[in-house]
Protein backbone atom coordinates (compact mmCIF):
# COMPACT_ATOMS: atom_id res chain seq x y z
CA UNK A 1 -21.60 37.69 0.26
CA UNK A 2 -18.68 37.98 2.68
CA UNK A 3 -16.79 34.71 3.32
CA UNK A 4 -14.34 36.34 5.75
CA UNK A 5 -10.70 37.33 5.29
CA UNK A 6 -9.27 33.82 5.58
CA UNK A 7 -11.53 32.41 2.87
CA UNK A 8 -10.81 35.38 0.57
CA UNK A 9 -7.10 34.70 0.90
CA UNK A 10 -7.65 31.07 0.01
CA UNK A 11 -7.25 29.69 3.53
CA UNK A 12 -9.67 28.75 6.24
CA UNK A 13 -7.75 28.45 9.47
CA UNK A 14 -10.23 25.90 10.76
CA UNK A 15 -9.31 23.59 7.88
CA UNK A 16 -12.82 23.37 6.49
CA UNK A 17 -13.16 22.44 2.83
CA UNK A 18 -16.02 24.87 2.21
CA UNK A 19 -15.03 27.98 0.29
CA UNK A 20 -11.60 26.73 -0.74
CA UNK A 21 -10.26 28.41 -3.89
CA UNK A 22 -10.30 26.73 -7.26
CA UNK A 23 -7.24 24.54 -7.75
CA UNK A 24 -5.12 24.30 -10.87
CA UNK A 25 -2.06 22.52 -12.30
CA UNK A 26 1.12 24.27 -13.38
CA UNK A 27 0.25 24.17 -17.08
CA UNK A 28 3.65 25.29 -18.32
CA UNK A 29 5.24 22.28 -16.64
CA UNK A 30 2.74 19.58 -17.54
CA UNK A 31 1.23 20.40 -20.94
CA UNK A 32 2.93 18.62 -23.84
CA UNK A 33 0.80 19.43 -26.91
CA UNK A 34 1.70 21.65 -29.86
CA UNK A 35 1.77 25.35 -29.01
CA UNK A 36 2.37 24.89 -25.28
CA UNK A 37 5.58 26.01 -23.61
CA UNK A 38 6.15 22.57 -22.05
CA UNK A 39 5.42 20.93 -25.40
CA UNK A 40 7.97 23.17 -27.10
CA UNK A 41 10.60 22.12 -24.55
CA UNK A 42 9.90 18.43 -25.05
CA UNK A 43 10.05 18.90 -28.82
CA UNK A 44 13.68 20.07 -28.59
CA UNK A 45 14.73 16.47 -27.78
CA UNK A 46 14.51 13.11 -29.50
CA UNK A 47 11.64 11.11 -28.00
CA UNK A 48 11.16 7.30 -28.24
CA UNK A 49 7.86 6.28 -29.76
CA UNK A 50 8.13 2.54 -30.55
CA UNK A 51 10.34 -0.52 -30.61
CA UNK A 52 12.11 -1.00 -33.95
CA UNK A 53 10.11 -4.13 -34.74
CA UNK A 54 6.85 -2.18 -34.38
CA UNK A 55 7.52 -0.20 -37.58
CA UNK A 56 6.26 -2.58 -40.27
CA UNK A 57 4.47 -2.57 -43.60
CA UNK A 58 1.23 -2.44 -41.62
CA UNK A 59 0.64 1.26 -40.71
CA UNK A 60 -0.05 1.92 -37.05
CA UNK A 61 -1.38 4.91 -35.13
CA UNK A 62 1.01 6.16 -32.43
CA UNK A 63 0.49 8.85 -29.80
CA UNK A 64 3.33 11.19 -28.85
CA UNK A 65 3.39 14.68 -27.27
CA UNK A 66 -0.33 15.21 -27.79
CA UNK A 67 -0.31 14.22 -31.46
CA UNK A 68 -1.58 11.08 -33.22
CA UNK A 69 0.67 10.06 -36.14
CA UNK A 70 1.09 7.18 -38.57
CA UNK A 71 4.21 4.97 -38.19
CA UNK A 72 5.25 2.55 -40.94
CA UNK A 73 8.28 1.03 -42.64
CA UNK A 74 8.50 1.01 -46.43
CA UNK A 75 9.70 -1.89 -48.55
CA UNK A 76 13.28 -0.60 -48.57
CA UNK A 77 13.39 -0.63 -44.77
CA UNK A 78 13.01 3.09 -44.07
CA UNK A 79 10.71 4.03 -41.16
CA UNK A 80 8.32 6.92 -41.64
CA UNK A 81 6.22 9.08 -39.33
CA UNK A 82 3.51 11.07 -41.08
CA UNK A 83 0.57 13.27 -40.14
CA UNK A 84 -2.45 10.96 -40.45
CA UNK A 85 -4.73 13.08 -42.67
CA UNK A 86 -3.83 12.68 -46.33
CA UNK A 87 -2.98 16.11 -47.78
CA UNK A 88 -5.21 15.42 -50.78
CA UNK A 89 -8.70 14.87 -49.33
CA UNK A 90 -8.07 14.19 -45.67
CA UNK A 91 -8.74 10.49 -45.17
CA UNK A 92 -6.50 8.65 -42.74
CA UNK A 93 -3.30 7.01 -43.87
CA UNK A 94 -3.92 4.29 -41.30
CA UNK A 95 -5.60 2.34 -44.13
CA UNK A 96 -2.83 3.13 -46.63
CA UNK A 97 -0.89 0.47 -48.50
CA UNK A 98 2.83 0.40 -47.80
CA UNK A 99 4.97 -0.09 -50.90
CA UNK A 100 8.66 -0.22 -51.78
CA UNK A 101 9.11 3.56 -51.66
CA UNK A 102 6.43 4.74 -49.24
CA UNK A 103 2.77 4.60 -48.30
CA UNK A 104 -0.12 4.96 -50.75
CA UNK A 105 -3.40 6.51 -49.60
CA UNK A 106 -6.33 4.11 -49.83
CA UNK A 107 -8.72 6.77 -51.19
CA UNK A 108 -7.17 8.18 -54.37
CA UNK A 109 -3.76 6.49 -54.45
CA UNK A 110 -1.37 9.35 -53.69
CA UNK A 111 2.00 7.87 -52.74
CA UNK A 112 4.17 9.47 -50.06
CA UNK A 113 7.72 8.55 -49.09
CA UNK A 114 8.81 8.45 -45.38
CA UNK A 115 9.68 12.17 -45.54
CA UNK A 116 6.32 13.20 -46.99
CA UNK A 117 7.38 13.75 -50.60
CA UNK A 118 4.61 13.12 -53.13
CA UNK A 119 5.92 10.40 -55.44
CA UNK A 120 2.72 9.70 -57.39
CA UNK A 121 -0.83 10.99 -57.79
CA UNK A 122 -2.58 7.89 -59.13
CA UNK A 123 -5.71 9.71 -60.40
CA UNK A 124 -3.65 12.40 -62.13
CA UNK A 125 -1.45 10.55 -64.67
CA UNK A 126 1.68 12.51 -65.50
CA UNK A 127 0.79 15.36 -63.17
CA UNK A 128 3.19 16.86 -60.65
CA UNK A 129 2.29 17.60 -57.06
CA UNK A 130 1.35 21.21 -56.35
CA UNK A 131 4.39 23.38 -55.72
CA UNK A 132 5.62 23.01 -52.13
CA UNK A 133 3.01 20.37 -51.31
CA UNK A 134 4.28 17.70 -48.91
CA UNK A 135 2.61 15.39 -46.44
CA UNK A 136 3.60 16.65 -42.93
CA UNK A 137 6.29 14.38 -41.47
CA UNK A 138 8.77 14.08 -38.62
CA UNK A 139 12.40 12.80 -38.83
CA UNK A 140 13.21 9.46 -37.19
CA UNK A 141 16.38 7.74 -35.93
CA UNK A 142 16.71 4.07 -34.98
CA UNK A 143 19.08 3.19 -32.15
CA UNK A 144 19.17 0.94 -29.08
CA UNK A 145 16.36 -1.11 -30.60
CA UNK A 146 14.02 1.90 -30.48
CA UNK A 147 12.66 4.44 -32.93
CA UNK A 148 13.11 8.08 -31.86
CA UNK A 149 11.27 11.07 -33.31
CA UNK A 150 12.31 14.71 -33.37
CA UNK A 151 9.27 16.97 -33.46
CA UNK A 152 10.82 20.42 -32.95
CA UNK A 153 12.10 23.22 -35.18
CA UNK A 154 14.24 21.77 -38.04
CA UNK A 155 17.02 24.30 -37.46
CA UNK A 156 17.24 23.23 -33.81
CA UNK A 157 17.46 19.47 -34.39
CA UNK A 158 20.14 18.03 -32.07
CA UNK A 159 22.05 14.78 -32.40
CA UNK A 160 20.61 11.75 -30.64
CA UNK A 161 22.64 11.38 -27.41
CA UNK A 162 24.91 8.41 -26.88
CA UNK A 163 24.99 6.69 -23.48
CA UNK A 164 28.10 5.15 -22.00
CA UNK A 165 26.26 2.19 -20.58
CA UNK A 166 25.05 1.22 -24.06
CA UNK A 167 28.34 1.72 -25.88
CA UNK A 168 30.99 -0.77 -27.09
CA UNK A 169 29.03 -4.01 -26.64
CA UNK A 170 31.14 -7.15 -26.48
CA UNK A 171 30.30 -10.30 -28.44
CA UNK A 172 28.44 -11.76 -25.43
CA UNK A 173 26.36 -8.63 -24.79
CA UNK A 174 23.18 -7.32 -26.34
CA UNK A 175 20.52 -4.65 -25.69
CA UNK A 176 17.09 -5.62 -24.39
CA UNK A 177 14.22 -3.21 -24.94
CA UNK A 178 11.39 -3.11 -22.38
CA UNK A 179 8.22 -1.14 -23.14
CA UNK A 180 5.94 -2.83 -20.67
CA UNK A 181 5.10 -1.50 -17.22
CA UNK A 182 8.67 -0.91 -16.02
CA UNK A 183 8.61 1.86 -13.44
CA UNK A 184 4.83 2.14 -13.14
CA UNK A 185 4.02 -1.02 -11.12
CA UNK A 186 0.94 -1.30 -13.30
CA UNK A 187 -0.23 -1.37 -16.89
CA UNK A 188 1.74 -0.41 -20.00
CA UNK A 189 0.04 2.97 -20.48
CA UNK A 190 -0.39 4.98 -17.30
CA UNK A 191 -3.46 7.30 -17.27
CA UNK A 192 -1.93 10.37 -15.69
CA UNK A 193 0.41 13.23 -16.52
CA UNK A 194 4.00 12.33 -17.41
CA UNK A 195 5.59 14.66 -14.82
CA UNK A 196 3.86 13.27 -11.75
CA UNK A 197 5.31 9.90 -12.74
CA UNK A 198 8.74 11.13 -13.82
CA UNK A 199 9.39 13.22 -10.69
CA UNK A 200 8.63 10.19 -8.54
CA UNK A 201 12.09 8.97 -9.54
CA UNK A 202 13.69 11.61 -7.31
CA UNK A 203 11.14 11.38 -4.53
CA UNK A 204 13.43 9.29 -2.32
CA UNK A 205 11.21 9.57 0.75
CA UNK A 206 8.23 7.76 -0.78
CA UNK A 207 10.25 4.60 -0.37
CA UNK A 208 9.64 4.87 3.34
CA UNK A 209 5.86 4.76 3.24
CA UNK A 210 4.66 3.49 -0.08
CA UNK A 211 7.31 0.78 -0.39
CA UNK A 212 7.47 0.02 3.34
CA UNK A 213 10.95 1.23 4.18
CA UNK A 214 11.87 2.61 7.61
CA UNK A 215 11.11 6.30 7.25
CA UNK A 216 13.19 7.65 10.11
CA UNK A 217 16.41 6.05 8.85
CA UNK A 218 15.84 7.02 5.19
CA UNK A 219 15.04 10.58 6.26
CA UNK A 220 18.40 10.89 8.01
CA UNK A 221 20.39 9.58 5.06
CA UNK A 222 18.65 10.78 1.88
CA UNK A 223 20.56 13.21 -0.34
CA UNK A 224 19.71 15.00 -3.59
CA UNK A 225 22.29 16.47 -5.92
CA UNK A 226 22.29 18.47 -9.16
CA UNK A 227 24.20 16.49 -11.78
CA UNK A 228 24.16 19.36 -14.28
CA UNK A 229 21.93 17.14 -16.43
CA UNK A 230 19.19 16.66 -13.87
CA UNK A 231 18.67 15.47 -10.27
CA UNK A 232 20.22 12.47 -8.56
CA UNK A 233 18.48 10.93 -5.53
CA UNK A 234 20.63 9.06 -3.00
CA UNK A 235 18.34 7.44 -0.38
CA UNK A 236 20.23 4.96 1.81
CA UNK A 237 18.92 2.65 4.47
CA UNK A 238 20.83 0.62 7.07
CA UNK A 239 20.16 -3.12 7.22
CA UNK A 240 20.12 -5.26 10.38
CA UNK A 241 23.20 -7.14 9.14
CA UNK A 242 25.41 -4.04 9.36
CA UNK A 243 25.20 -3.21 5.69
CA UNK A 244 23.22 -0.53 3.88
CA UNK A 245 20.97 -0.34 0.86
CA UNK A 246 21.37 2.43 -1.68
CA UNK A 247 18.60 3.39 -4.09
CA UNK A 248 20.43 5.68 -6.48
CA UNK A 249 18.53 7.11 -9.44
CA UNK A 250 18.94 10.04 -11.82
CA UNK A 251 16.27 12.04 -13.59
CA UNK A 252 17.88 13.71 -16.62
CA UNK A 253 16.13 16.64 -18.26
CA UNK A 254 13.67 16.27 -19.84
CA UNK A 255 12.50 12.60 -19.60
CA UNK A 256 15.54 10.30 -19.28
CA UNK A 257 15.67 7.89 -16.33
CA UNK A 258 18.63 6.02 -14.89
CA UNK A 259 17.00 3.23 -12.95
CA UNK A 260 18.91 -0.05 -13.19
CA UNK A 261 19.67 -3.12 -11.14
CA UNK A 262 23.33 -3.52 -10.16
CA UNK A 263 22.69 -7.11 -9.02
CA UNK A 264 21.91 -8.07 -12.60
CA UNK A 265 24.73 -8.01 -15.19
CA UNK A 266 23.18 -4.98 -16.84
CA UNK A 267 23.05 -1.24 -17.16
CA UNK A 268 20.41 0.72 -18.96
CA UNK A 269 18.68 3.94 -19.90
CA UNK A 270 14.98 4.67 -19.64
CA UNK A 271 12.69 7.27 -21.11
CA UNK A 272 9.27 8.45 -19.93
CA UNK A 273 7.18 9.27 -23.02
CA UNK A 274 4.36 11.80 -22.64
CA UNK A 275 1.71 10.37 -24.99
CA UNK A 276 -0.55 13.33 -24.23
CA UNK A 277 -1.35 15.44 -21.19
CA UNK A 278 -2.98 12.53 -19.34
CA UNK A 279 -1.18 9.38 -20.56
CA UNK A 280 2.40 8.12 -20.49
CA UNK A 281 4.49 5.03 -21.06
CA UNK A 282 8.08 4.03 -20.34
CA UNK A 283 10.81 2.61 -22.58
CA UNK A 284 14.02 1.03 -21.29
CA UNK A 285 17.12 -0.08 -23.18
CA UNK A 286 19.23 -2.38 -21.02
CA UNK A 287 22.67 -3.83 -21.63
CA UNK A 288 22.65 -7.56 -20.90
CA UNK A 289 25.04 -10.52 -21.07
CA UNK A 290 23.87 -13.53 -22.99
CA UNK A 291 22.78 -16.52 -20.91
CA UNK A 292 22.86 -14.41 -17.74
CA UNK A 293 20.05 -14.46 -15.15
CA UNK A 294 17.71 -11.44 -15.21
CA UNK A 295 18.38 -10.84 -11.51
CA UNK A 296 20.84 -12.03 -8.92
CA UNK A 297 19.50 -10.08 -5.94
CA UNK A 298 20.60 -11.80 -2.71
CA UNK A 299 17.81 -13.35 -0.62
CA UNK A 300 18.35 -10.99 2.33
CA UNK A 301 17.89 -8.05 0.00
CA UNK A 302 14.95 -9.54 -1.87
CA UNK A 303 13.18 -9.99 1.46
CA UNK A 304 12.88 -6.22 1.97
CA UNK A 305 10.71 -5.88 -1.16
CA UNK A 306 7.03 -6.80 -1.28
CA UNK A 307 6.45 -10.20 -2.81
CA UNK A 308 2.96 -9.73 -4.24
CA UNK A 309 1.04 -11.02 -7.23
CA UNK A 310 1.53 -9.14 -10.46
CA UNK A 311 -0.49 -5.99 -10.67
CA UNK A 312 -2.89 -7.18 -13.36
CA UNK A 313 -3.89 -10.21 -11.27
CA UNK A 314 -4.66 -8.13 -8.20
CA UNK A 315 -8.23 -7.20 -7.35
CA UNK A 316 -9.23 -3.63 -6.56
CA UNK A 317 -9.37 -4.54 -2.86
CA UNK A 318 -5.84 -5.98 -3.03
CA UNK A 319 -4.55 -2.84 -4.69
CA UNK A 320 -6.28 -0.71 -2.09
CA UNK A 321 -4.63 -2.67 0.71
CA UNK A 322 -1.18 -2.86 -0.95
CA UNK A 323 -0.87 0.25 -3.15
CA UNK A 324 2.22 0.95 -5.21
CA UNK A 325 3.49 3.65 -7.58
CA UNK A 326 0.58 3.22 -9.97
CA UNK A 327 -2.04 3.79 -7.28
CA UNK A 328 -0.23 6.71 -5.67
CA UNK A 329 0.49 8.54 -8.91
CA UNK A 330 -2.82 8.02 -10.71
CA UNK A 331 -4.46 8.80 -7.35
CA UNK A 332 -3.25 12.40 -7.82
CA UNK A 333 -5.68 12.64 -10.73
CA UNK A 334 -5.04 12.80 -14.45
CA UNK A 335 -3.04 15.99 -13.84
CA UNK A 336 -2.17 16.85 -10.26
CA UNK A 337 -3.30 20.21 -8.87
CA UNK A 338 -0.04 21.95 -8.05
CA UNK A 339 -1.75 24.95 -6.44
CA UNK A 340 -3.00 22.72 -3.61
CA UNK A 341 0.37 21.16 -2.76
CA UNK A 342 2.12 21.85 0.55
CA UNK A 343 5.75 21.12 -0.28
CA UNK A 344 8.15 20.46 2.62
CA UNK A 345 11.83 19.62 3.13
CA UNK A 346 11.41 15.96 2.17
CA UNK A 347 10.28 17.10 -1.27
CA UNK A 348 13.70 18.53 -2.10
CA UNK A 349 14.31 16.24 -5.06
CA UNK A 350 10.95 17.08 -6.64
CA UNK A 351 11.45 20.81 -6.06
CA UNK A 352 14.92 20.66 -7.63
CA UNK A 353 13.66 18.85 -10.70
CA UNK A 354 10.75 21.22 -11.22
CA UNK A 355 13.06 24.23 -10.86
CA UNK A 356 15.39 22.81 -13.50
CA UNK A 357 12.48 22.26 -15.84
CA UNK A 358 11.22 25.81 -15.28
CA UNK A 359 14.70 27.13 -15.98
CA UNK A 360 14.63 25.33 -19.33
CA UNK A 361 11.19 26.78 -20.11
CA UNK A 362 12.65 30.27 -19.55
CA UNK A 363 15.55 29.44 -21.86
CA UNK A 364 13.14 28.31 -24.57
CA UNK A 365 11.10 31.51 -24.13
CA UNK A 366 14.31 33.55 -24.58
CA UNK A 367 15.15 31.70 -27.78
CA UNK A 368 18.03 29.74 -26.20
CA UNK A 369 18.80 26.02 -26.35
CA UNK A 370 17.86 23.93 -23.31
CA UNK A 371 20.24 21.76 -21.30
CA UNK A 372 21.30 18.31 -22.56
CA UNK A 373 21.04 19.35 -26.22
CA UNK A 374 24.06 18.86 -28.43
CA UNK A 375 24.64 19.50 -32.12
CA UNK A 376 28.01 17.80 -32.16
CA UNK A 377 27.93 14.26 -33.64
CA UNK A 378 31.27 13.56 -31.93
CA UNK A 379 30.07 14.54 -28.46
CA UNK A 380 31.15 12.03 -25.79
CA UNK A 381 28.55 9.59 -24.47
CA UNK A 382 26.51 10.55 -21.42
CA UNK A 383 27.48 8.76 -18.20
CA UNK A 384 24.38 8.60 -16.02
CA UNK A 385 24.41 8.11 -12.24
CA UNK A 386 22.52 4.94 -11.47
CA UNK A 387 22.41 2.09 -9.02
CA UNK A 388 18.77 1.83 -8.19
CA UNK A 389 17.47 -1.14 -6.23
CA UNK A 390 19.47 -2.60 -3.41
CA UNK A 391 23.22 -2.14 -3.21
CA UNK A 392 24.70 -3.57 0.00
CA UNK A 393 27.69 -1.60 1.25
CA UNK A 394 29.39 -1.59 4.67
CA UNK A 395 28.10 0.95 7.15
CA UNK A 396 30.73 2.75 9.17
CA UNK A 397 30.75 1.78 12.84
CA UNK A 398 29.32 4.46 15.12
């Protein structure tokens, strides 16, 4: 059957939906599981998987990069992250008993330390574990009130980066960890691919429509720059009072977000965690002063933001009438179909970020190390470019 030349080429000049070609995502960019190119890139970095207080003597199942693993803390205080199926007979360690030196399987009593070593085989008195046998495990580091996992090749394990905004705390400062819905405008776990959420950070123009900014003015003033680490978005909007609002944010390869509030006495670092291909969550470590208000945004600035009920209290109809980031990003589907996109000049930030990610995928394929990876424990802290939310600054007279 002949559909005509336009249909064969994937386009119908009349715009009809009939006969359109099958659509697909860019799998190398969005897939995060073991054995995928994108998953291999993400595994070259430390990824946050829980708040420190969530690692306890009660084992819990955690999802990260397409894997389900068991997180626990033994009696001596060491956190552990193990493959869930016991190496002996395969039952889950979720029901294991945490002891002073590790976790003991509920089925036959094999005891594993946080690095998977077999300490005891309860049903085999005096026996040694089979040569080379070890419960699969991943290394962990605790910092900033979070637990980070490294899931890549052991010989490529980098140091956990330091961040200038979280360094050298004074006596009246502390770090607050947020693992709620920060950045999603919705629930804790977002049911869509991590990249369509993460790249929203450098989509400066969506402020105009989705968040009710004035699109013509933002379009004239938005800038996007390559920081060497990632992409910085610089949307700016004039205010009627002769000032301007900046909404500066940086997306650092692969999943780090600089998205803080300069009106609060704080600076912070965020991470978007790909739980699997179709779920994500955010973590944020923020530097705060004790006894300081969470926000000191001036009233004239606060007025430009939507003052609506919290997302969970909104009905479907209310969300339909007042959509936010959650609705727009999950509305792209669990994984957006990149082959159907029509990218234009206002998508510069997104295009830049995707290109940088693709460049890192090529480096991985060539056996090279990706950007933002360091093996030097004395490397200087990273200074991110932030200033998101409203920053009033004088606008030059025309």
